[in-house]
């Protein structure tokens, strides 16, 4: 793969990762509610999910999802249900933020990783995105090395972006302000996630 072609891929992946959506909301919630480490872990786990979608797309799953609308719809509904669950969890946390803080109730690192991974794995739009994207870069004679470059670029860009998000929003002054308004943050997160779920479930 030429450097020019790879740079084109890199720019598109960066723009795709920076698009606001449920993934950003989940990483922000983990960072504000549980700390920098949780946010970074959620972002890295999300990147693993993105990498899996990218790999499966390169090897044909993206085409499969496009060819079988019912499969796509089922995965979409599963993703919407997960968003609703996350939204309700955030709203419940908003109801008693002070109590949760006093009792030190923080999600485990495993829960943070699961939230990041599932939000990407249950997003079939990633298959559609990568199908459209990789159609410009994949060719019949392409080597396995080039395919790995495609997959790793998508995953690493995603992981780096959400790590930067977690680092930015965990800066002491900003984090202190966000935690002071944790109830509003949780309420907004819950409403956004449920709204996104409705948007996903009802095209």
Protein backbone atom coordinates (compact mmCIF):
# COMPACT_ATOMS: atom_id res chain seq x y z
CA UNK A 1 0.00 0.00 0.00
CA UNK A 2 1.41 3.37 -1.00
CA UNK A 3 1.90 6.13 1.57
CA UNK A 4 -0.57 8.39 -0.25
CA UNK A 5 -3.25 5.72 -0.17
CA UNK A 6 -2.62 5.00 3.50
CA UNK A 7 -2.81 8.70 4.40
CA UNK A 8 -6.20 8.88 2.67
CA UNK A 9 -7.35 5.92 4.77
CA UNK A 10 -5.96 7.54 7.91
CA UNK A 11 -7.83 10.82 7.36
CA UNK A 12 -11.14 9.03 6.80
CA UNK A 13 -10.64 6.85 9.91
CA UNK A 14 -9.83 9.93 12.02
CA UNK A 15 -12.96 11.73 10.85
CA UNK A 16 -15.05 8.62 11.47
CA UNK A 17 -13.68 8.18 15.00
CA UNK A 18 -14.29 11.84 15.86
CA UNK A 19 -17.97 11.70 14.87
CA UNK A 20 -20.11 12.23 18.00
CA UNK A 21 -22.24 9.27 18.97
CA UNK A 22 -22.98 6.70 21.70
CA UNK A 23 -19.34 5.61 21.86
CA UNK A 24 -18.26 9.10 22.90
CA UNK A 25 -21.02 9.23 25.51
CA UNK A 26 -19.93 5.90 27.01
CA UNK A 27 -16.24 6.85 27.20
CA UNK A 28 -17.10 10.23 28.74
CA UNK A 29 -19.40 8.62 31.29
CA UNK A 30 -16.73 6.11 32.33
CA UNK A 31 -14.16 8.90 32.65
CA UNK A 32 -16.33 11.28 34.66
CA UNK A 33 -17.99 8.68 36.89
CA UNK A 34 -15.15 6.23 37.44
CA UNK A 35 -11.88 7.92 36.49
CA UNK A 36 -9.25 8.23 33.78
CA UNK A 37 -8.27 4.56 33.81
CA UNK A 38 -11.85 3.43 33.25
CA UNK A 39 -12.27 5.89 30.38
CA UNK A 40 -9.07 4.77 28.67
CA UNK A 41 -9.98 1.11 29.15
CA UNK A 42 -13.45 1.67 27.68
CA UNK A 43 -11.88 3.48 24.72
CA UNK A 44 -9.32 0.75 24.09
CA UNK A 45 -11.97 -1.97 24.35
CA UNK A 46 -14.08 0.00 21.89
CA UNK A 47 -11.10 0.02 19.53
CA UNK A 48 -10.89 -3.77 19.78
CA UNK A 49 -14.53 -3.98 18.70
CA UNK A 50 -13.85 -1.59 15.83
CA UNK A 51 -10.88 -3.72 14.82
CA UNK A 52 -13.03 -6.86 14.80
CA UNK A 53 -15.65 -5.17 12.59
CA UNK A 54 -12.90 -3.94 10.28
CA UNK A 55 -11.36 -7.41 10.05
CA UNK A 56 -14.69 -9.12 9.46
CA UNK A 57 -15.56 -6.54 6.83
CA UNK A 58 -12.31 -7.12 4.97
CA UNK A 59 -13.08 -10.84 5.03
CA UNK A 60 -16.66 -10.48 3.86
CA UNK A 61 -18.98 -9.96 6.83
CA UNK A 62 -19.82 -6.42 5.75
CA UNK A 63 -21.12 -7.81 2.46
CA UNK A 64 -23.07 -10.47 4.39
CA UNK A 65 -24.77 -7.82 6.54
CA UNK A 66 -25.67 -5.81 3.46
CA UNK A 67 -27.03 -8.88 1.67
CA UNK A 68 -29.21 -9.99 4.58
CA UNK A 69 -31.19 -7.00 5.90
CA UNK A 70 -32.84 -9.10 8.63
CA UNK A 71 -29.45 -9.93 10.14
CA UNK A 72 -28.55 -6.25 10.06
CA UNK A 73 -31.86 -5.33 11.69
CA UNK A 74 -31.46 -7.90 14.46
CA UNK A 75 -28.00 -6.62 15.34
CA UNK A 76 -29.32 -3.05 15.18
CA UNK A 77 -32.13 -3.84 17.64
CA UNK A 78 -29.70 -5.59 19.98
CA UNK A 79 -27.52 -2.49 19.88
CA UNK A 80 -30.50 -0.22 20.54
CA UNK A 81 -31.55 -2.36 23.51
CA UNK A 82 -28.05 -2.09 24.95
CA UNK A 83 -28.10 1.70 24.52
CA UNK A 84 -31.42 1.87 26.39
CA UNK A 85 -29.97 -0.24 29.19
CA UNK A 86 -26.95 2.07 29.44
CA UNK A 87 -29.22 5.12 29.40
CA UNK A 88 -31.44 3.77 32.18
CA UNK A 89 -28.35 2.89 34.23
CA UNK A 90 -27.07 6.45 33.86
CA UNK A 91 -30.45 7.91 34.87
CA UNK A 92 -30.56 5.64 37.94
CA UNK A 93 -27.07 6.80 38.90
CA UNK A 94 -28.25 10.41 38.49
CA UNK A 95 -30.99 9.79 41.04
CA UNK A 96 -28.48 9.06 43.82
CA UNK A 97 -25.06 10.44 42.75
CA UNK A 98 -24.08 11.63 46.22
CA UNK A 99 -24.90 8.27 47.83
CA UNK A 100 -22.96 6.39 45.17
CA UNK A 101 -19.95 8.65 45.71
CA UNK A 102 -20.09 8.26 49.50
CA UNK A 103 -20.19 4.47 49.23
CA UNK A 104 -17.42 4.45 46.65
CA UNK A 105 -19.62 2.65 44.16
CA UNK A 106 -17.55 2.59 41.01
CA UNK A 107 -17.82 0.19 38.14
CA UNK A 108 -15.04 -2.36 37.83
CA UNK A 109 -12.41 -2.18 35.12
CA UNK A 110 -14.05 -5.24 33.57
CA UNK A 111 -17.40 -3.42 33.40
CA UNK A 112 -15.71 -0.41 31.79
CA UNK A 113 -14.07 -2.63 29.18
CA UNK A 114 -17.34 -4.45 28.48
CA UNK A 115 -19.23 -1.18 28.03
CA UNK A 116 -16.66 0.03 25.50
CA UNK A 117 -16.48 -3.26 23.60
CA UNK A 118 -20.22 -3.88 23.43
CA UNK A 119 -21.03 -0.37 22.22
CA UNK A 120 -18.91 -1.07 19.13
CA UNK A 121 -19.67 -4.78 18.67
CA UNK A 122 -23.43 -4.09 18.73
CA UNK A 123 -23.14 -1.38 16.09
CA UNK A 124 -23.68 -2.96 12.66
CA UNK A 125 -23.32 0.47 11.07
CA UNK A 126 -19.59 -0.07 11.50
CA UNK A 127 -19.84 -2.94 9.01
CA UNK A 128 -21.60 -0.65 6.55
CA UNK A 129 -19.05 2.11 7.16
CA UNK A 130 -16.10 -0.21 6.63
CA UNK A 131 -17.73 -1.81 3.59
CA UNK A 132 -18.06 1.62 1.99
CA UNK A 133 -14.59 2.66 3.12
CA UNK A 134 -12.66 -0.49 2.29
CA UNK A 135 -14.28 -0.83 -1.10
CA UNK A 136 -11.98 2.03 -2.09
CA UNK A 137 -8.87 0.23 -0.82
CA UNK A 138 -9.42 -3.53 -1.15
CA UNK A 139 -8.52 -5.28 -4.38
CA UNK A 140 -8.49 -8.97 -5.42
CA UNK A 141 -4.70 -9.04 -5.62
CA UNK A 142 -4.22 -7.31 -2.26
CA UNK A 143 -1.79 -8.99 0.14
CA UNK A 144 -2.58 -10.08 3.69
CA UNK A 145 -0.14 -7.41 4.91
CA UNK A 146 -2.14 -4.65 3.24
CA UNK A 147 -5.36 -6.04 4.74
CA UNK A 148 -3.78 -6.04 8.20
CA UNK A 149 -2.72 -2.42 7.66
CA UNK A 150 -6.35 -1.52 6.91
CA UNK A 151 -7.61 -3.22 10.05
CA UNK A 152 -4.87 -1.97 12.38
CA UNK A 153 -5.19 1.60 11.12
CA UNK A 154 -8.91 1.65 11.88
CA UNK A 155 -8.45 0.11 15.34
CA UNK A 156 -5.46 2.20 16.39
CA UNK A 157 -7.00 5.48 15.26
CA UNK A 158 -10.13 4.68 17.27
CA UNK A 159 -8.14 3.70 20.36
CA UNK A 160 -5.90 6.78 20.21
CA UNK A 161 -8.86 9.13 19.77
CA UNK A 162 -10.83 7.81 22.75
CA UNK A 163 -7.69 7.68 24.89
CA UNK A 164 -7.18 11.38 24.13
CA UNK A 165 -10.83 12.03 25.04
CA UNK A 166 -10.37 10.26 28.38
CA UNK A 167 -7.13 12.13 29.09
CA UNK A 168 -8.67 15.50 28.23
CA UNK A 169 -11.79 15.06 30.33
CA UNK A 170 -9.85 13.64 33.28
CA UNK A 171 -7.76 16.79 33.72
CA UNK A 172 -8.14 17.72 37.43
CA UNK A 173 -9.90 21.08 37.00
CA UNK A 174 -12.32 19.88 34.34
CA UNK A 175 -12.95 16.56 36.08
CA UNK A 176 -13.66 18.32 39.39
CA UNK A 177 -16.22 20.56 37.67
CA UNK A 178 -17.85 17.61 35.90
CA UNK A 179 -18.06 15.59 39.11
CA UNK A 180 -19.54 18.59 40.90
CA UNK A 181 -22.30 18.45 38.30
CA UNK A 182 -22.33 14.64 38.12
CA UNK A 183 -26.11 14.42 38.43
CA UNK A 184 -26.60 16.60 35.34
CA UNK A 185 -23.88 14.73 33.46
CA UNK A 186 -25.53 11.37 34.19
CA UNK A 187 -28.98 12.73 33.27
CA UNK A 188 -27.70 14.15 29.99
CA UNK A 189 -25.83 10.92 29.21
CA UNK A 190 -28.91 8.83 29.91
CA UNK A 191 -31.15 10.98 27.75
CA UNK A 192 -28.61 11.05 24.90
CA UNK A 193 -28.15 7.27 24.95
CA UNK A 194 -31.88 6.54 25.00
CA UNK A 195 -32.43 9.12 22.25
CA UNK A 196 -29.72 7.48 20.15
CA UNK A 197 -31.33 4.09 20.77
CA UNK A 198 -34.65 5.38 19.43
CA UNK A 199 -32.91 6.88 16.44
CA UNK A 200 -31.13 3.57 15.75
CA UNK A 201 -34.23 1.42 16.18
CA UNK A 202 -36.48 3.69 14.12
CA UNK A 203 -34.63 4.69 10.91
